[in-house]
Amino acid sequence: MSSHREAPEMAKDPVADSTDVYAFVSPDRPSTVTLIANYIPFQAPDGGPNFYEFGDDVAYDINISNKGKGQADLTYRFRFHTKVRDPKTFLYNTGPITGIHDTTWNRPQFYSVTRIRNGRAKTLASHLPCPPVNVGPRSTPDYPHLADQGVHKIGRRRVFAGQRVDAFHVDLGSVFDLGTLRPFQHLHLIPMADAPGRNSLQAFNVHSIALQVPISEITRAGTVPTNPAKPGAVVGVWASASRRKSRMFDKSEGRYVGHGPWEQVSRLGNPLFNEVITPMAHKDVWNARHPRGDAMFAKYVDHPELARLLPVLYPGVFPHLAAYHKARADLQAILLTGIPSGVVPGFQNYTGTVESDMLRLNVAVPPSSSPDSMGLLGGDAAGFPNGRRIGDDVVAIELRAVAGVTIPLVDPSFTPDGAAGVLTDGTSEVAGGSTGTFPYLGNPNGGFQTEPGTSAVS
């Protein structure tokens, strides 16, 4: 749900679909920032023999804005190339894969990393091998070893590209059934007995691009800011994916080949923005645009549909929210401009007046020694919406914000409804979903090890 199947046309192109973006000061290397862009949602671990992989015909970008204009001042581009070692077999692997260079892996994938700054491109590395997917104990008997081999050093940078567990958690089955939150569903317009949340992504994987770079490489002045109050301490981060202007199937190569200039087809900054803020008719338009043009979507942030739906779906629970008709300056700050100084004591991640959907990270805020999954709402300034860490419960945070808990920050006359401060879908961080070291996302679920879910028809 962070950005899984968030737009009608994008849902038909999962290889280019951004699912989650993370940006945080690295807890184990605080002189660096870790940037993570995930793609290809809902990967069933047992989906062989044509297992999931990055697209050779897609340009995957991690974008940095450090001048307050909502445009990419620095881009890291990842391009992939897939090889078939044995054209005579249908198998992904013809024996155990004990190392990422083993010839038993029949379909290895490699990639290049290019840095684009001020229109100038520089290749930082090429032909870096990805690890295989986690097939099972016979095919990938020591998966942690394979994953470790997929971490590469590029000077003072570290990079990884490959399959990981999807650490995002949300009860999709409930939320999209007329906005139901199972822990509170006795209060719903169509009531049922309360129940624990069910994480719809528990057994799925994603393909992840993780990049760890020195803070000085991404800041405006090329320094390591230490004062969180300084404007130069804040950077904007988003991911995108682009395809060539046209695609044609090449019979001789047996694949689609792109032609013409690159065109952006997917992007993601703040979690859930395109999912639940942008109306369906504009979702694919949003995906194709750049953040600097997001003023056209500001009206949906000022008066979000979800804020209107909550009082309808939960009658009598949100009377204060129902009566509030002012533009949501709190959500404007959180999602489109960053939070200015003076709103939250001792904190800011303001990037200026250009309305643009980006994660905004104040790199002068050090990692927390005791992270709170509620991020800034929980008093932890190192968490969302100051960037985003893997363990941040962005569904609960954004539910509570939309329900009104952040309105008093900009409008002291407003009193949030009591329910607003406890809203949650009832899910929690995936076990093993995150680690303490790069690339931070946990090893992917194995195909052999994963039990398919049960089905139920009412």
Protein backbone atom coordinates (compact mmCIF):
# COMPACT_ATOMS: atom_id res chain seq x y z
CA MET A 1 0.00 0.00 0.00
CA SER A 2 2.91 2.40 0.46
CA SER A 3 2.98 2.39 -3.32
CA HIS A 4 2.04 -1.16 -4.22
CA ARG A 5 -0.33 -1.16 -7.21
CA GLU A 6 -1.08 2.50 -6.54
CA ALA A 7 -2.13 3.53 -10.07
CA PRO A 8 -4.23 1.75 -12.72
CA GLU A 9 -1.64 1.70 -15.51
CA MET A 10 1.36 1.28 -13.21
CA ALA A 11 -0.23 -1.82 -11.69
CA LYS A 12 0.16 -3.42 -15.12
CA ASP A 13 3.92 -2.77 -15.14
CA PRO A 14 5.22 -4.12 -11.81
CA VAL A 15 8.86 -4.28 -12.95
CA ALA A 16 8.91 -0.47 -13.02
CA ASP A 17 6.63 0.03 -10.01
CA SER A 18 8.24 1.79 -7.03
CA THR A 19 6.91 0.29 -3.79
CA ASP A 20 8.80 2.01 -0.96
CA VAL A 21 11.52 4.58 -0.45
CA TYR A 22 13.64 4.92 2.69
CA ALA A 23 16.16 7.60 3.60
CA PHE A 24 17.96 7.79 6.95
CA VAL A 25 21.28 8.59 8.53
CA SER A 26 22.99 5.19 8.79
CA PRO A 27 22.87 4.05 12.44
CA ASP A 28 26.10 2.04 12.14
CA ARG A 29 27.89 4.61 9.92
CA PRO A 30 26.51 8.03 10.96
CA SER A 31 28.75 9.91 8.54
CA THR A 32 26.68 8.36 5.72
CA VAL A 33 23.10 8.33 4.53
CA THR A 34 21.35 5.17 3.38
CA LEU A 35 18.91 5.46 0.48
CA ILE A 36 16.69 2.50 -0.41
CA ALA A 37 14.31 2.20 -3.35
CA ASN A 38 12.15 -0.91 -3.67
CA TYR A 39 10.39 -2.15 -6.79
CA ILE A 40 8.24 -5.05 -8.05
CA PRO A 41 5.50 -5.56 -5.42
CA PHE A 42 3.86 -8.74 -4.16
CA GLN A 43 6.59 -11.18 -5.12
CA ALA A 44 5.51 -14.69 -4.22
CA PRO A 45 8.75 -16.41 -3.13
CA ASP A 46 7.84 -19.61 -4.99
CA GLY A 47 7.12 -17.84 -8.31
CA GLY A 48 9.42 -19.87 -10.55
CA PRO A 49 10.85 -20.93 -12.88
CA ASN A 50 10.81 -17.33 -14.15
CA PHE A 51 11.60 -15.71 -10.84
CA TYR A 52 11.36 -11.97 -10.29
CA GLU A 53 14.16 -9.68 -11.45
CA PHE A 54 14.90 -6.06 -12.33
CA GLY A 55 14.02 -4.94 -15.86
CA ASP A 56 16.84 -4.63 -18.37
CA ASP A 57 14.73 -2.01 -20.16
CA VAL A 58 14.10 0.20 -17.11
CA ALA A 59 16.23 3.02 -15.71
CA TYR A 60 15.91 3.01 -11.91
CA ASP A 61 16.77 6.33 -10.26
CA ILE A 62 17.31 7.57 -6.72
CA ASN A 63 16.97 11.36 -6.82
CA ILE A 64 18.27 14.02 -4.43
CA SER A 65 17.09 17.63 -4.26
CA ASN A 66 19.32 19.88 -2.13
CA LYS A 67 18.52 23.38 -3.46
CA GLY A 68 14.87 23.65 -2.49
CA LYS A 69 13.48 23.62 -6.02
CA GLY A 70 11.82 20.20 -6.05
CA GLN A 71 14.04 18.93 -8.85
CA ALA A 72 16.88 16.43 -9.01
CA ASP A 73 20.21 18.09 -8.28
CA LEU A 74 21.80 14.65 -7.99
CA THR A 75 20.63 11.32 -9.40
CA TYR A 76 22.00 7.80 -8.99
CA ARG A 77 20.90 5.68 -11.94
CA PHE A 78 20.88 1.88 -11.96
CA ARG A 79 20.73 -0.11 -15.21
CA PHE A 80 20.54 -3.90 -15.34
CA HIS A 81 21.67 -6.58 -17.76
CA THR A 82 20.57 -10.21 -17.62
CA LYS A 83 22.48 -13.16 -19.04
CA VAL A 84 21.29 -16.67 -19.92
CA ARG A 85 24.17 -19.10 -19.51
CA ASP A 86 22.51 -22.24 -20.86
CA PRO A 87 19.84 -21.63 -23.52
CA LYS A 88 18.85 -25.30 -23.55
CA THR A 89 17.30 -25.51 -20.08
CA PHE A 90 14.14 -24.00 -18.61
CA LEU A 91 15.68 -23.99 -15.15
CA TYR A 92 16.67 -20.89 -13.19
CA ASN A 93 19.50 -22.94 -11.72
CA THR A 94 20.91 -26.35 -12.65
CA GLY A 95 22.36 -27.12 -9.22
CA PRO A 96 23.09 -25.49 -5.88
CA ILE A 97 24.18 -21.85 -6.07
CA THR A 98 26.91 -21.42 -3.46
CA GLY A 99 28.34 -18.15 -4.81
CA ILE A 100 26.98 -15.37 -7.00
CA HIS A 101 29.44 -16.29 -9.77
CA ASP A 102 28.47 -19.99 -9.85
CA THR A 103 27.71 -21.27 -13.35
CA THR A 104 24.85 -23.32 -11.88
CA TRP A 105 22.92 -20.05 -11.76
CA ASN A 106 21.52 -19.92 -15.27
CA ARG A 107 20.13 -16.37 -15.25
CA PRO A 108 22.52 -14.01 -13.45
CA GLN A 109 21.89 -10.29 -13.44
CA PHE A 110 24.43 -7.46 -13.40
CA TYR A 111 24.11 -3.69 -13.09
CA SER A 112 25.86 -0.37 -13.43
CA VAL A 113 25.68 2.70 -11.18
CA THR A 114 25.84 6.16 -12.75
CA ARG A 115 25.87 9.46 -10.90
CA ILE A 116 24.24 12.39 -12.71
CA ARG A 117 25.03 15.83 -11.33
CA ASN A 118 24.25 19.10 -13.11
CA GLY A 119 23.52 17.16 -16.27
CA ARG A 120 26.88 15.41 -16.22
CA ALA A 121 26.92 11.63 -15.98
CA LYS A 122 29.74 9.64 -14.42
CA THR A 123 29.77 5.85 -14.25
CA LEU A 124 30.73 4.86 -10.72
CA ALA A 125 30.70 1.09 -11.28
CA SER A 126 29.65 -1.43 -13.90
CA HIS A 127 28.98 -5.18 -14.19
CA LEU A 128 28.23 -5.54 -10.48
CA PRO A 129 26.58 -8.91 -9.81
CA CYS A 130 23.23 -9.20 -8.05
CA PRO A 131 22.56 -12.17 -5.79
CA PRO A 132 19.96 -14.70 -6.99
CA VAL A 133 16.49 -14.88 -5.50
CA ASN A 134 15.97 -17.16 -2.50
CA VAL A 135 14.84 -20.33 -4.26
CA GLY A 136 15.16 -22.80 -1.38
CA PRO A 137 17.60 -24.84 0.75
CA ARG A 138 18.80 -26.99 -2.14
CA SER A 139 19.17 -24.29 -4.75
CA THR A 140 20.41 -21.48 -2.47
CA PRO A 141 21.65 -23.43 0.58
CA ASP A 142 23.41 -20.48 2.26
CA TYR A 143 21.38 -17.47 1.28
CA PRO A 144 22.90 -15.05 3.82
CA HIS A 145 26.30 -15.73 2.22
CA LEU A 146 24.92 -15.01 -1.25
CA ALA A 147 23.34 -11.79 0.00
CA ASP A 148 26.62 -10.70 1.61
CA GLN A 149 28.39 -11.24 -1.70
CA GLY A 150 25.89 -8.84 -3.26
CA VAL A 151 27.16 -5.91 -1.17
CA HIS A 152 29.75 -3.95 -3.15
CA LYS A 153 32.01 -1.07 -2.20
CA ILE A 154 32.41 1.85 -4.58
CA GLY A 155 34.98 4.09 -2.96
CA ARG A 156 33.36 5.26 0.28
CA ARG A 157 29.96 4.11 -0.93
CA ARG A 158 28.21 0.79 -0.52
CA VAL A 159 25.63 -0.60 -2.90
CA PHE A 160 23.31 -3.58 -3.10
CA ALA A 161 20.69 -4.59 -5.66
CA GLY A 162 18.64 -7.74 -5.31
CA GLN A 163 15.72 -9.48 -3.67
CA ARG A 164 14.83 -8.66 -0.05
CA VAL A 165 11.88 -9.21 2.27
CA ASP A 166 9.14 -6.60 2.01
CA ALA A 167 9.29 -4.94 5.43
CA PHE A 168 6.32 -2.65 4.83
CA HIS A 169 3.27 -3.80 6.75
CA VAL A 170 -0.40 -3.02 6.19
CA ASP A 171 -3.77 -4.78 6.35
CA LEU A 172 -4.73 -4.37 2.70
CA GLY A 173 -7.65 -6.79 2.89
CA SER A 174 -9.23 -4.69 5.59
CA VAL A 175 -8.29 -1.14 4.59
CA PHE A 176 -9.64 -1.49 1.05
CA ASP A 177 -12.85 -3.11 2.28
CA LEU A 178 -14.52 0.28 2.80
CA GLY A 179 -11.79 1.67 5.02
CA THR A 180 -12.04 -0.91 7.76
CA LEU A 181 -9.51 -0.97 10.62
CA ARG A 182 -9.95 -4.36 12.24
CA PRO A 183 -9.02 -3.23 15.80
CA PHE A 184 -11.89 -0.68 15.67
CA GLN A 185 -14.34 -2.30 13.30
CA HIS A 186 -17.14 -2.45 15.86
CA LEU A 187 -17.33 1.34 15.32
CA HIS A 188 -17.55 1.02 11.52
CA LEU A 189 -20.67 1.97 9.58
CA ILE A 190 -21.01 -1.76 8.83
CA PRO A 191 -19.85 -3.14 12.21
CA MET A 192 -18.15 -6.42 12.99
CA ALA A 193 -16.36 -7.73 16.07
CA ASP A 194 -12.89 -6.23 16.60
CA ALA A 195 -9.97 -8.39 15.46
CA PRO A 196 -6.17 -8.20 15.17
CA GLY A 197 -4.75 -6.73 11.98
CA ARG A 198 -3.41 -9.03 9.26
CA ASN A 199 -0.28 -8.02 7.41
CA SER A 200 -1.05 -8.60 3.75
CA LEU A 201 2.66 -8.40 2.80
CA GLN A 202 3.97 -10.83 5.40
CA ALA A 203 5.07 -13.55 2.97
CA PHE A 204 6.12 -11.39 0.02
CA ASN A 205 9.45 -10.09 -1.26
CA VAL A 206 10.55 -7.04 -3.24
CA HIS A 207 13.57 -6.10 -5.31
CA SER A 208 15.63 -3.52 -3.50
CA ILE A 209 18.27 -1.00 -4.53
CA ALA A 210 20.24 0.18 -1.49
CA LEU A 211 22.89 2.86 -1.66
CA GLN A 212 24.96 4.18 1.23
CA VAL A 213 26.81 7.41 0.48
CA PRO A 214 28.78 9.98 2.51
CA ILE A 215 26.54 12.79 3.73
CA SER A 216 28.93 15.30 2.14
CA GLU A 217 28.15 13.84 -1.30
CA ILE A 218 24.48 14.78 -1.23
CA THR A 219 24.31 18.08 0.65
CA ARG A 220 24.11 21.48 -1.01
CA ALA A 221 27.50 22.70 0.20
CA GLY A 222 29.26 19.34 0.08
CA THR A 223 29.66 19.35 3.87
CA VAL A 224 28.42 17.32 6.85
CA PRO A 225 25.93 19.63 8.61
CA THR A 226 25.83 19.49 12.41
CA ASN A 227 23.20 22.15 13.11
CA PRO A 228 19.67 20.84 12.38
CA ALA A 229 18.36 24.41 12.19
CA LYS A 230 20.38 25.24 9.06
CA PRO A 231 18.53 24.99 5.70
CA GLY A 232 21.49 23.21 4.10
CA ALA A 233 20.99 20.28 6.48
CA VAL A 234 17.84 19.14 4.64
CA VAL A 235 17.69 17.11 1.42
CA GLY A 236 14.71 15.83 -0.52
CA VAL A 237 14.68 12.20 -1.71
CA TRP A 238 12.48 10.28 -4.12
CA ALA A 239 12.78 7.28 -6.42
CA SER A 240 11.63 6.94 -10.00
CA ALA A 241 11.63 4.52 -12.89
CA SER A 242 11.74 5.34 -16.60
CA ARG A 243 11.20 3.49 -19.85
CA ARG A 244 12.06 4.41 -23.40
CA LYS A 245 9.44 6.40 -25.31
CA SER A 246 8.40 3.31 -27.25
CA ARG A 247 8.77 -0.46 -26.91
CA MET A 248 8.66 -3.04 -29.68
CA PHE A 249 8.96 -6.80 -29.53
CA ASP A 250 12.13 -7.95 -31.31
CA LYS A 251 11.52 -11.44 -32.67
CA SER A 252 15.20 -12.11 -33.28
CA GLU A 253 16.05 -11.41 -29.63
CA GLY A 254 12.79 -12.70 -28.19
CA ARG A 255 12.28 -9.63 -26.01
CA TYR A 256 10.95 -6.09 -25.97
CA VAL A 257 13.43 -3.41 -27.02
CA GLY A 258 13.05 0.26 -26.12
CA HIS A 259 13.54 3.17 -28.51
CA GLY A 260 13.72 6.93 -28.11
CA PRO A 261 14.21 9.13 -25.04
CA TRP A 262 13.58 8.04 -21.47
CA GLU A 263 10.11 8.78 -20.06
CA GLN A 264 9.31 8.54 -16.36
CA VAL A 265 6.54 6.05 -15.61
CA SER A 266 6.76 5.71 -11.84
CA ARG A 267 7.90 7.70 -8.81
CA LEU A 268 7.60 7.67 -5.04
CA GLY A 269 8.52 10.06 -2.26
CA ASN A 270 6.28 10.09 0.82
CA PRO A 271 4.60 6.75 1.53
CA LEU A 272 0.91 6.54 0.60
CA PHE A 273 0.80 9.90 -1.25
CA ASN A 274 -0.31 8.58 -4.62
CA GLU A 275 -2.10 5.68 -2.95
CA VAL A 276 -4.62 7.61 -0.86
CA ILE A 277 -4.18 11.33 -1.58
CA THR A 278 -4.29 11.50 -5.39
CA PRO A 279 -7.65 10.67 -7.03
CA MET A 280 -7.67 7.59 -9.25
CA ALA A 281 -8.14 9.57 -12.46
CA HIS A 282 -4.86 11.42 -11.84
CA LYS A 283 -2.66 8.68 -10.38
CA ASP A 284 -0.83 7.78 -13.59
CA VAL A 285 -0.41 11.45 -14.44
CA TRP A 286 1.18 11.91 -11.01
CA ASN A 287 3.58 9.03 -11.72
CA ALA A 288 4.75 10.66 -14.94
CA ARG A 289 5.39 14.10 -13.44
CA HIS A 290 8.33 15.45 -11.45
CA PRO A 291 8.00 16.72 -7.87
CA ARG A 292 8.55 20.37 -8.82
CA GLY A 293 5.10 20.36 -10.49
CA ASP A 294 3.16 19.01 -7.52
CA ALA A 295 1.34 22.29 -6.85
CA MET A 296 -1.41 20.90 -9.09
CA PHE A 297 -2.03 18.17 -6.50
CA ALA A 298 -1.92 20.47 -3.45
CA LYS A 299 -5.71 20.77 -3.29
CA TYR A 300 -5.95 17.06 -2.50
CA VAL A 301 -3.56 17.55 0.41
CA ASP A 302 -5.46 20.63 1.64
CA HIS A 303 -8.74 18.70 1.71
CA PRO A 304 -7.91 14.96 1.66
CA GLU A 305 -10.69 12.56 0.78
CA LEU A 306 -9.74 10.23 3.62
CA ALA A 307 -10.35 12.99 6.18
CA ARG A 308 -13.89 13.33 4.82
CA LEU A 309 -14.44 9.56 4.78
CA LEU A 310 -13.40 8.81 8.36
CA PRO A 311 -16.42 10.58 9.96
CA VAL A 312 -18.73 8.87 7.47
CA LEU A 313 -17.30 5.37 7.91
CA TYR A 314 -17.05 5.72 11.69
CA PRO A 315 -20.24 7.61 12.67
CA GLY A 316 -19.93 9.77 15.76
CA VAL A 317 -16.24 8.95 16.28
CA PHE A 318 -14.70 12.00 14.56
CA PRO A 319 -17.03 14.97 15.18
CA HIS A 320 -14.18 17.51 15.46
CA LEU A 321 -12.62 16.32 12.20
CA ALA A 322 -16.00 16.43 10.46
CA ALA A 323 -16.47 20.05 11.51
CA TYR A 324 -13.01 21.17 10.38
CA HIS A 325 -13.13 22.76 6.92
CA LYS A 326 -9.90 24.76 6.78
CA ALA A 327 -7.09 23.83 4.39
CA ARG A 328 -4.80 21.29 6.03
CA ALA A 329 -1.67 23.36 6.59
CA ASP A 330 -0.28 20.54 8.74
CA LEU A 331 -0.39 18.04 5.87
CA GLN A 332 0.98 20.67 3.49
CA ALA A 333 4.04 20.94 5.73
CA ILE A 334 4.45 17.20 6.26
CA LEU A 335 4.02 16.18 2.62
CA LEU A 336 4.76 19.13 0.34
CA THR A 337 7.15 21.68 1.89
CA GLY A 338 8.69 20.10 4.95
CA ILE A 339 8.10 21.31 8.50
CA PRO A 340 9.36 24.87 9.10
CA SER A 341 11.28 25.88 12.22
CA GLY A 342 9.03 26.73 15.15
CA VAL A 343 6.33 24.14 14.48
CA VAL A 344 8.00 21.24 16.29
CA PRO A 345 10.42 22.47 18.99
CA GLY A 346 14.04 21.90 17.96
CA PHE A 347 13.19 20.38 14.60
CA GLN A 348 12.74 21.37 10.96
CA ASN A 349 13.01 19.70 7.56
CA TYR A 350 11.75 22.60 5.47
CA THR A 351 12.91 22.73 1.85
CA GLY A 352 11.17 25.92 0.78
CA THR A 353 7.95 27.10 -0.80
CA VAL A 354 8.05 24.81 -3.85
CA GLU A 355 5.32 22.24 -3.21
CA SER A 356 6.79 18.85 -4.01
CA ASP A 357 6.26 15.32 -2.77
CA MET A 358 9.60 14.10 -1.43
CA LEU A 359 10.95 12.45 1.67
CA ARG A 360 12.72 15.26 3.52
CA LEU A 361 15.69 14.25 5.61
CA ASN A 362 17.52 16.52 8.01
CA VAL A 363 20.95 14.88 7.96
CA ALA A 364 22.11 16.84 11.04
CA VAL A 365 19.67 14.87 13.22
CA PRO A 366 21.67 11.87 14.50
CA PRO A 367 20.28 8.32 14.54
CA SER A 368 18.20 7.51 17.61
CA SER A 369 19.66 5.18 20.23
CA SER A 370 16.10 3.95 20.96
CA PRO A 371 14.01 4.36 17.79
CA ASP A 372 10.27 4.89 18.17
CA SER A 373 8.19 3.39 15.36
CA MET A 374 5.89 6.43 15.52
CA GLY A 375 8.79 8.66 14.47
CA LEU A 376 8.27 12.35 15.06
CA LEU A 377 4.79 11.71 16.51
CA GLY A 378 6.47 9.54 19.13
CA GLY A 379 9.06 12.21 19.96
CA ASP A 380 11.78 10.60 17.82
CA ALA A 381 13.08 13.28 15.44
CA ALA A 382 15.19 10.74 13.53
CA GLY A 383 12.05 9.04 12.17
CA PHE A 384 9.29 9.72 9.68
CA PRO A 385 8.46 12.31 8.42
CA ASN A 386 12.13 13.13 8.89
CA GLY A 387 13.17 10.79 6.11
CA ARG A 388 11.91 7.28 6.68
CA ARG A 389 13.40 4.30 8.46
CA ILE A 390 12.46 0.70 7.81
CA GLY A 391 10.84 0.32 11.22
CA ASP A 392 8.70 3.47 11.05
CA ASP A 393 4.98 2.62 11.19
CA VAL A 394 4.01 4.99 8.40
CA VAL A 395 0.45 3.65 8.09
CA ALA A 396 -0.37 4.49 11.72
CA ILE A 397 1.51 7.79 11.55
CA GLU A 398 -0.31 8.98 8.44
CA LEU A 399 -3.69 7.69 9.63
CA ARG A 400 -3.35 9.74 12.80
CA ALA A 401 -2.10 12.79 10.92
CA VAL A 402 -5.00 12.70 8.45
CA ALA A 403 -7.41 12.16 11.37
CA GLY A 404 -6.21 15.43 12.87
CA VAL A 405 -3.55 14.84 15.54
CA THR A 406 -1.13 17.19 13.77
CA ILE A 407 -3.60 20.03 13.18
CA PRO A 408 -2.88 21.70 16.57
CA LEU A 409 0.73 22.21 15.48
CA VAL A 410 -0.49 24.87 13.05
CA ASP A 411 -3.97 25.63 14.45
CA PRO A 412 -4.05 25.59 18.29
CA SER A 413 -7.81 26.19 18.26
CA PHE A 414 -8.42 22.63 17.06
CA THR A 415 -8.85 19.73 19.49
CA PRO A 416 -8.32 16.29 17.92
CA ASP A 417 -10.93 13.60 18.42
CA GLY A 418 -9.92 11.04 21.02
CA ALA A 419 -9.80 8.21 18.50
CA ALA A 420 -7.39 10.07 16.23
CA GLY A 421 -4.41 9.48 18.50
CA VAL A 422 -4.80 5.69 18.64
CA LEU A 423 -5.64 4.82 15.04
CA THR A 424 -3.77 1.83 13.60
CA ASP A 425 -4.46 -0.99 11.19
CA GLY A 426 -3.22 -3.39 13.84
CA THR A 427 -0.14 -4.66 11.98
CA SER A 428 3.45 -4.44 13.16
CA GLU A 429 6.97 -4.68 11.78
CA VAL A 430 7.73 -7.88 9.89
CA ALA A 431 9.81 -10.35 11.90
CA GLY A 432 13.26 -10.34 10.33
CA GLY A 433 12.24 -7.49 8.06
CA SER A 434 15.11 -5.25 9.05
CA THR A 435 18.64 -5.65 10.31
CA GLY A 436 21.11 -3.28 11.89
CA THR A 437 23.57 -3.22 9.01
CA PHE A 438 23.60 -2.47 5.29
CA PRO A 439 21.51 -3.20 3.23
CA TYR A 440 19.19 -3.18 6.30
CA LEU A 441 16.24 -4.98 4.74
CA GLY A 442 16.20 -8.64 5.79
CA ASN A 443 16.89 -11.65 3.60
CA PRO A 444 13.96 -12.60 1.36
CA ASN A 445 11.45 -15.31 2.08
CA GLY A 446 12.46 -18.62 0.46
CA GLY A 447 10.33 -20.30 -2.17
CA PHE A 448 10.61 -23.79 -0.67
CA GLN A 449 10.18 -22.55 2.89
CA THR A 450 7.10 -20.39 2.36
CA GLU A 451 3.66 -21.88 2.98
CA PRO A 452 0.99 -20.55 0.61
CA GLY A 453 -1.85 -18.76 2.35
CA THR A 454 -5.39 -19.96 2.83
CA SER A 455 -8.32 -18.60 0.89
CA ALA A 456 -11.78 -17.67 2.12
CA VAL A 457 -14.93 -16.80 0.20
CA SER A 458 -17.86 -15.18 1.97
